[in-house]
Amino acid sequence: MHMLKVAVAGASGYAGAEVLRWLLRHPDVEIGAVTAGSNAGSTLTSIHPHLFGLEDRILEDTTASVFDGHDAVVLALPHGHSAALAAELPEGTVVVDCGADFRLRDETAWTTFYDTPYAGSWAYGLPELPLAEGGSGRHALEGATRVAVPGCYPTAVTLALAPGLAAAVVEPDDVVVVAASGTSGAGRAVKPHLLGSEVMGSMSPYGIGGVHRHTPEIEQNLSAAAGSDVTVSFTPTLAPMPRGILATCTARLVPGTTADEVREAWRTAYEDEPFVHVLDAGTWPTTAQVLGSNHVAIQVAVDERVGRVVAVAAVDNLAKGTAGAAVQCLNLATGQPETTGLAGAGVAP
């Protein structure tokens, strides 16, 4: 098979480094240019010393000309920075964006939550998303040259709840989500509230009151599963761990639906998915289960007393929540087996 020459823009950040970690194990990828902004000129491993095998790489400036001759480019840039660069890249180059720039289909949703101009939407990179009309999000990614990788919270929340909406066993108008994320979700830049002394032994909420930028993306995905508008109350929290997301999601049960029917909806949706796992009844997801892997652990139960479904999902926010998903999408876009380079269980303890 032709070796794909793949570049990574924004390689000095956590997401860019994680993309490189996955690409290093990909048998059909040659890692091309690695670029950065303010860190251009530095050696890659002076910033990410764990990336053995790339010790000789120097971070280049992020300009379109650097990516000439590449089959694909993965963009791991801050939100709002991908659109201008992507516009300069050839149409035949596969571009996989880990940022938010091209995730939302509705311009009003973008301008409500983001402060940069709306750039449009690309093929949405969640192949496991069950759709109301049948099938999944996978078809849109096969052969695509422009792909938007989902946000980390939307990945966890969507996969936790979408089967119930697609199977019409939960109601779409009263969805409540509380999710905890590790500190790497805030990026690599130094921030006082993310210092070890501030985070250790403490949890804190943020983005309260429906203002978190992932809210419209979650609603977009769940609406695609339901075939009608879904509204979500989403509260993120910061947990004292480097990486991982645990999303606890609840929705009203459709009257007359049994617990067995609920569980069957989730089992059917994901029975053929290589990375999404509905756990045995009574076993609940933990972030440790999926640490360092492209897997998602899910459990679902019915709270019969209040008539609600409770679905919990655990993902690694840097793996299936970002970089692992980017490689999965790259595989689909370039016609490779979807799981190539992504095998492996989580790291424990």
Protein backbone atom coordinates (compact mmCIF):
# COMPACT_ATOMS: atom_id res chain seq x y z
CA MET A 1 0.00 0.00 0.00
CA HIS A 2 1.14 3.56 -0.71
CA MET A 3 2.68 5.15 2.36
CA LEU A 4 0.74 8.27 3.31
CA LYS A 5 2.87 11.32 3.99
CA VAL A 6 1.10 13.12 6.83
CA ALA A 7 1.96 16.50 8.35
CA VAL A 8 0.86 17.81 11.73
CA ALA A 9 0.24 21.51 12.31
CA GLY A 10 0.28 22.62 15.94
CA ALA A 11 2.60 19.81 16.99
CA SER A 12 3.81 21.62 20.12
CA GLY A 13 0.40 21.30 21.84
CA TYR A 14 -1.11 18.32 23.61
CA ALA A 15 -3.41 17.40 20.73
CA GLY A 16 -0.66 17.66 18.12
CA ALA A 17 1.68 15.52 20.21
CA GLU A 18 -1.03 12.92 20.69
CA VAL A 19 -1.65 12.80 16.93
CA LEU A 20 2.06 12.13 16.43
CA ARG A 21 2.00 9.42 19.09
CA TRP A 22 -0.70 7.57 17.16
CA LEU A 23 0.91 8.17 13.76
CA LEU A 24 4.20 6.70 15.00
CA ARG A 25 2.45 3.34 15.38
CA HIS A 26 0.61 3.56 12.04
CA PRO A 27 2.15 1.08 9.57
CA ASP A 28 1.11 3.00 6.46
CA VAL A 29 2.08 6.55 7.47
CA GLU A 30 5.26 8.51 6.94
CA ILE A 31 5.34 11.51 9.29
CA GLY A 32 6.13 14.61 7.28
CA ALA A 33 6.38 18.21 8.43
CA VAL A 34 5.69 19.11 12.05
CA THR A 35 4.88 22.76 12.67
CA ALA A 36 4.14 25.20 15.47
CA GLY A 37 3.58 28.87 16.16
CA SER A 38 5.69 30.49 18.86
CA ASN A 39 7.67 27.24 19.33
CA ALA A 40 8.86 27.11 15.71
CA GLY A 41 12.60 26.51 15.59
CA SER A 42 12.61 24.30 18.67
CA THR A 43 13.24 20.58 18.53
CA LEU A 44 10.03 18.60 18.87
CA THR A 45 11.35 16.45 21.69
CA SER A 46 12.50 19.43 23.73
CA ILE A 47 8.76 20.00 24.22
CA HIS A 48 7.49 16.41 23.97
CA PRO A 49 10.35 14.16 25.12
CA HIS A 50 8.14 11.05 24.99
CA LEU A 51 8.02 11.07 21.19
CA PHE A 52 10.94 8.71 20.66
CA GLY A 53 11.73 8.28 16.99
CA LEU A 54 11.23 11.96 16.21
CA GLU A 55 14.29 13.29 18.06
CA ASP A 56 15.70 14.90 14.92
CA ARG A 57 12.59 16.90 14.07
CA ILE A 58 12.60 20.69 14.17
CA LEU A 59 9.26 22.49 14.47
CA GLU A 60 8.69 24.60 11.37
CA ASP A 61 6.54 27.69 10.93
CA THR A 62 2.93 26.89 10.13
CA THR A 63 2.59 28.09 6.54
CA ALA A 64 0.77 26.47 3.65
CA SER A 65 3.96 25.99 1.61
CA VAL A 66 5.40 23.70 4.30
CA PHE A 67 2.69 21.15 3.49
CA ASP A 68 3.46 20.87 -0.23
CA GLY A 69 3.83 17.24 -1.28
CA HIS A 70 1.88 15.79 1.63
CA ASP A 71 -1.05 13.42 1.21
CA ALA A 72 -2.75 14.64 4.38
CA VAL A 73 -2.45 17.35 7.00
CA VAL A 74 -3.80 17.12 10.54
CA LEU A 75 -4.56 20.53 12.04
CA ALA A 76 -4.20 20.72 15.83
CA LEU A 77 -4.56 24.48 16.06
CA PRO A 78 -6.48 26.76 18.44
CA HIS A 79 -10.12 27.36 17.56
CA GLY A 80 -10.47 29.95 14.81
CA HIS A 81 -7.04 29.33 13.26
CA SER A 82 -7.75 26.41 10.94
CA ALA A 83 -10.01 28.03 8.37
CA ALA A 84 -7.46 30.45 6.89
CA LEU A 85 -4.79 27.77 6.57
CA ALA A 86 -7.16 25.16 5.17
CA ALA A 87 -8.25 27.58 2.44
CA GLU A 88 -4.67 27.63 1.15
CA LEU A 89 -4.28 23.84 0.93
CA PRO A 90 -4.99 21.94 -2.31
CA GLU A 91 -8.42 20.34 -2.65
CA GLY A 92 -6.83 16.94 -3.18
CA THR A 93 -4.97 17.06 0.14
CA VAL A 94 -6.89 15.35 2.95
CA VAL A 95 -7.24 17.86 5.77
CA VAL A 96 -8.35 16.64 9.20
CA ASP A 97 -9.12 19.47 11.63
CA CYS A 98 -8.99 18.77 15.37
CA GLY A 99 -10.34 22.25 16.16
CA ALA A 100 -13.90 23.54 16.18
CA ASP A 101 -13.80 25.63 13.00
CA PHE A 102 -15.81 23.29 10.76
CA ARG A 103 -17.91 21.22 13.20
CA LEU A 104 -21.16 23.21 13.24
CA ARG A 105 -23.62 23.20 10.37
CA ASP A 106 -25.61 26.17 11.66
CA GLU A 107 -24.00 29.59 11.32
CA THR A 108 -26.10 31.10 14.12
CA ALA A 109 -24.93 28.39 16.49
CA TRP A 110 -21.34 29.27 15.62
CA THR A 111 -21.67 33.02 16.03
CA THR A 112 -23.52 32.56 19.33
CA PHE A 113 -20.70 30.56 20.93
CA TYR A 114 -17.55 31.63 19.04
CA ASP A 115 -16.00 35.00 18.30
CA THR A 116 -14.51 34.32 14.87
CA PRO A 117 -16.30 34.37 11.47
CA TYR A 118 -18.22 31.27 10.47
CA ALA A 119 -16.15 29.13 8.08
CA GLY A 120 -18.73 26.52 7.05
CA SER A 121 -18.89 22.82 7.88
CA TRP A 122 -16.99 19.71 6.83
CA ALA A 123 -17.73 16.00 7.03
CA TYR A 124 -18.25 15.30 10.72
CA GLY A 125 -15.79 12.82 12.14
CA LEU A 126 -17.88 10.56 14.36
CA PRO A 127 -18.35 7.33 12.36
CA GLU A 128 -20.21 5.59 15.20
CA LEU A 129 -22.99 8.22 15.41
CA PRO A 130 -26.33 6.41 14.83
CA LEU A 131 -28.61 8.47 12.59
CA ALA A 132 -32.38 8.80 12.73
CA GLU A 133 -32.76 7.72 9.11
CA GLY A 134 -30.68 4.61 9.70
CA GLY A 135 -27.00 3.95 9.25
CA SER A 136 -24.27 5.97 10.92
CA GLY A 137 -21.94 8.89 10.37
CA ARG A 138 -19.34 6.63 8.77
CA HIS A 139 -20.53 6.97 5.17
CA ALA A 140 -19.85 10.73 5.04
CA LEU A 141 -16.20 10.13 5.96
CA GLU A 142 -15.33 7.56 3.33
CA GLY A 143 -13.26 9.34 0.70
CA ALA A 144 -13.72 12.78 2.26
CA THR A 145 -10.93 15.33 1.78
CA ARG A 146 -12.08 17.69 4.54
CA VAL A 147 -12.98 16.27 7.96
CA ALA A 148 -13.89 17.98 11.25
CA VAL A 149 -12.92 15.93 14.30
CA PRO A 150 -15.57 16.14 17.07
CA GLY A 151 -14.93 17.88 20.35
CA CYS A 152 -14.00 15.70 23.31
CA TYR A 153 -17.13 16.36 25.37
CA PRO A 154 -19.43 15.92 22.34
CA THR A 155 -17.79 12.57 21.60
CA ALA A 156 -18.52 11.23 25.08
CA VAL A 157 -22.01 12.71 25.40
CA THR A 158 -23.13 11.83 21.88
CA LEU A 159 -22.04 8.22 22.08
CA ALA A 160 -23.61 7.92 25.54
CA LEU A 161 -27.08 9.11 24.49
CA ALA A 162 -27.51 8.81 20.72
CA PRO A 163 -28.73 5.18 20.66
CA GLY A 164 -31.68 6.02 22.88
CA LEU A 165 -32.71 8.94 20.68
CA ALA A 166 -32.25 7.00 17.44
CA ALA A 167 -34.38 4.16 18.81
CA ALA A 168 -36.95 6.62 20.24
CA VAL A 169 -36.77 5.20 23.75
CA VAL A 170 -35.84 8.53 25.37
CA GLU A 171 -37.42 11.96 25.02
CA PRO A 172 -35.48 14.71 23.20
CA ASP A 173 -36.54 17.73 25.26
CA ASP A 174 -35.11 17.15 28.74
CA VAL A 175 -31.51 16.01 28.42
CA VAL A 176 -29.16 16.81 31.30
CA VAL A 177 -25.41 16.21 31.20
CA VAL A 178 -22.72 16.64 33.84
CA ALA A 179 -19.25 15.70 32.65
CA ALA A 180 -15.82 15.76 34.24
CA SER A 181 -12.65 16.35 32.24
CA GLY A 182 -8.95 16.16 32.95
CA THR A 183 -6.84 19.30 32.78
CA SER A 184 -5.30 18.51 29.37
CA GLY A 185 -8.65 19.46 27.84
CA ALA A 186 -7.72 23.10 28.46
CA GLY A 187 -4.58 22.85 26.35
CA ARG A 188 -0.88 23.20 27.10
CA ALA A 189 -0.73 26.95 27.72
CA VAL A 190 0.07 27.93 31.30
CA LYS A 191 -3.04 28.98 33.22
CA PRO A 192 -3.05 29.76 36.97
CA HIS A 193 -6.23 27.80 37.70
CA LEU A 194 -4.66 24.67 36.17
CA LEU A 195 -1.55 24.69 38.35
CA GLY A 196 -1.04 21.44 40.25
CA SER A 197 -1.51 23.18 43.59
CA GLU A 198 -4.87 24.54 42.42
CA VAL A 199 -6.19 21.30 40.91
CA MET A 200 -4.93 18.54 43.19
CA GLY A 201 -7.64 17.33 45.56
CA SER A 202 -10.27 19.63 44.07
CA MET A 203 -13.07 19.54 41.51
CA SER A 204 -14.68 22.65 40.06
CA PRO A 205 -17.44 23.48 37.59
CA TYR A 206 -16.99 25.89 34.68
CA GLY A 207 -18.91 27.01 31.61
CA ILE A 208 -22.06 26.99 33.74
CA GLY A 209 -25.48 28.07 32.52
CA GLY A 210 -25.40 26.73 28.98
CA VAL A 211 -22.43 28.79 27.78
CA HIS A 212 -19.86 26.07 27.08
CA ARG A 213 -18.86 26.04 23.42
CA HIS A 214 -19.49 22.32 23.01
CA THR A 215 -23.21 22.72 23.77
CA PRO A 216 -24.37 23.41 20.18
CA GLU A 217 -22.25 20.55 18.87
CA ILE A 218 -23.79 18.13 21.36
CA GLU A 219 -27.27 19.31 20.39
CA GLN A 220 -26.44 19.04 16.68
CA ASN A 221 -25.30 15.43 17.06
CA LEU A 222 -28.17 14.30 19.25
CA SER A 223 -30.66 16.00 16.93
CA ALA A 224 -29.20 14.01 14.02
CA ALA A 225 -29.76 10.84 16.02
CA ALA A 226 -33.30 11.78 17.06
CA GLY A 227 -34.49 13.25 13.76
CA SER A 228 -35.82 16.26 15.69
CA ASP A 229 -34.44 19.09 17.78
CA VAL A 230 -32.78 18.06 21.03
CA THR A 231 -32.06 20.52 23.83
CA VAL A 232 -29.32 19.86 26.36
CA SER A 233 -28.43 21.30 29.76
CA PHE A 234 -24.65 20.77 29.89
CA THR A 235 -22.41 21.39 32.89
CA PRO A 236 -18.70 20.59 32.55
CA THR A 237 -16.42 20.11 35.54
CA LEU A 238 -12.67 20.03 35.96
CA ALA A 239 -11.26 16.92 37.63
CA PRO A 240 -7.81 16.50 39.24
CA MET A 241 -6.41 14.20 36.55
CA PRO A 242 -4.34 14.88 33.43
CA ARG A 243 -6.63 13.25 30.89
CA GLY A 244 -10.00 11.54 30.57
CA ILE A 245 -13.71 12.40 30.46
CA LEU A 246 -16.54 10.81 32.39
CA ALA A 247 -19.93 11.99 31.12
CA THR A 248 -23.10 11.25 33.12
CA CYS A 249 -26.14 11.86 30.94
CA THR A 250 -29.83 11.55 31.73
CA ALA A 251 -33.01 11.87 29.68
CA ARG A 252 -36.69 11.12 30.24
CA LEU A 253 -37.77 7.60 29.37
CA VAL A 254 -40.49 7.28 26.73
CA PRO A 255 -43.55 6.02 28.66
CA GLY A 256 -44.09 2.30 28.38
CA THR A 257 -40.46 1.53 27.48
CA THR A 258 -38.85 -1.27 29.48
CA ALA A 259 -35.30 -1.47 30.82
CA ASP A 260 -34.67 -4.42 28.49
CA GLU A 261 -35.71 -2.35 25.47
CA VAL A 262 -33.40 0.44 26.55
CA ARG A 263 -30.42 -1.83 26.88
CA GLU A 264 -31.18 -3.49 23.56
CA ALA A 265 -31.15 -0.09 21.82
CA TRP A 266 -27.60 0.57 23.01
CA ARG A 267 -26.41 -2.96 22.32
CA THR A 268 -27.79 -2.94 18.78
CA ALA A 269 -26.31 0.48 17.98
CA TYR A 270 -22.77 -0.51 18.88
CA GLU A 271 -22.57 -4.29 18.48
CA ASP A 272 -20.35 -3.99 15.38
CA GLU A 273 -18.30 -0.98 16.47
CA PRO A 274 -14.64 -1.78 17.19
CA PHE A 275 -14.09 1.11 19.61
CA VAL A 276 -17.41 1.54 21.45
CA HIS A 277 -18.20 -0.95 24.19
CA VAL A 278 -21.46 -1.34 26.12
CA LEU A 279 -20.35 -2.93 29.37
CA ASP A 280 -22.01 -5.87 31.05
CA ALA A 281 -24.96 -4.92 33.23
CA GLY A 282 -23.84 -3.64 36.60
CA THR A 283 -20.34 -2.64 35.43
CA TRP A 284 -19.79 1.10 35.14
CA PRO A 285 -17.24 3.00 33.06
CA THR A 286 -14.12 4.54 34.53
CA THR A 287 -11.61 6.84 32.89
CA ALA A 288 -8.87 4.35 33.82
CA GLN A 289 -10.46 1.75 31.52
CA VAL A 290 -9.82 3.83 28.41
CA LEU A 291 -6.66 5.75 29.36
CA GLY A 292 -4.35 6.05 26.37
CA SER A 293 -6.72 4.16 24.06
CA ASN A 294 -9.18 4.93 21.28
CA HIS A 295 -11.93 3.05 23.10
CA VAL A 296 -15.18 4.27 24.67
CA ALA A 297 -16.76 2.51 27.63
CA ILE A 298 -20.54 2.95 28.06
CA GLN A 299 -23.18 1.78 30.50
CA VAL A 300 -26.90 2.52 30.56
CA ALA A 301 -29.59 1.98 33.19
CA VAL A 302 -33.17 3.02 33.90
CA ASP A 303 -34.09 4.93 37.03
CA GLU A 304 -37.64 3.60 37.17
CA ARG A 305 -38.66 5.71 40.15
CA VAL A 306 -38.26 8.97 38.22
CA GLY A 307 -38.69 7.59 34.70
CA ARG A 308 -35.24 8.54 33.41
CA VAL A 309 -32.47 6.82 31.52
CA VAL A 310 -28.94 7.23 32.87
CA ALA A 311 -26.10 6.73 30.38
CA VAL A 312 -22.45 7.06 31.35
CA ALA A 313 -19.49 7.18 28.96
CA ALA A 314 -15.74 7.29 29.57
CA VAL A 315 -13.24 8.43 26.93
CA ASP A 316 -9.66 9.62 26.87
CA ASN A 317 -10.12 13.25 25.82
CA LEU A 318 -6.80 13.30 23.93
CA ALA A 319 -7.28 9.91 22.25
CA LYS A 320 -10.81 9.04 21.07
CA GLY A 321 -11.71 12.57 22.15
CA THR A 322 -9.22 14.12 19.70
CA ALA A 323 -6.14 12.48 18.18
CA GLY A 324 -7.29 8.88 17.99
CA ALA A 325 -10.45 10.10 16.30
CA ALA A 326 -8.34 12.11 13.85
CA VAL A 327 -6.41 8.99 12.82
CA GLN A 328 -9.64 6.97 12.61
CA CYS A 329 -11.07 9.62 10.28
CA LEU A 330 -7.84 9.73 8.28
CA ASN A 331 -8.13 5.99 7.73
CA LEU A 332 -11.70 6.28 6.47
CA ALA A 333 -10.90 9.25 4.26
CA THR A 334 -7.94 7.51 2.61
CA GLY A 335 -9.53 4.08 2.15
CA GLN A 336 -7.56 2.22 4.80
CA PRO A 337 -9.07 -0.19 7.32
CA GLU A 338 -10.63 2.00 9.98
CA THR A 339 -8.75 0.45 12.88
CA THR A 340 -5.25 0.69 11.35
CA GLY A 341 -2.77 2.03 13.87
CA LEU A 342 -5.39 2.26 16.60
CA ALA A 343 -5.28 -1.19 18.13
CA GLY A 344 -4.43 -1.54 21.78
CA ALA A 345 -6.12 -1.56 25.15
CA GLY A 346 -5.96 1.19 27.73
CA VAL A 347 -3.05 1.67 30.12
CA ALA A 348 -3.50 0.45 33.70
CA PRO A 349 -2.90 1.09 36.50
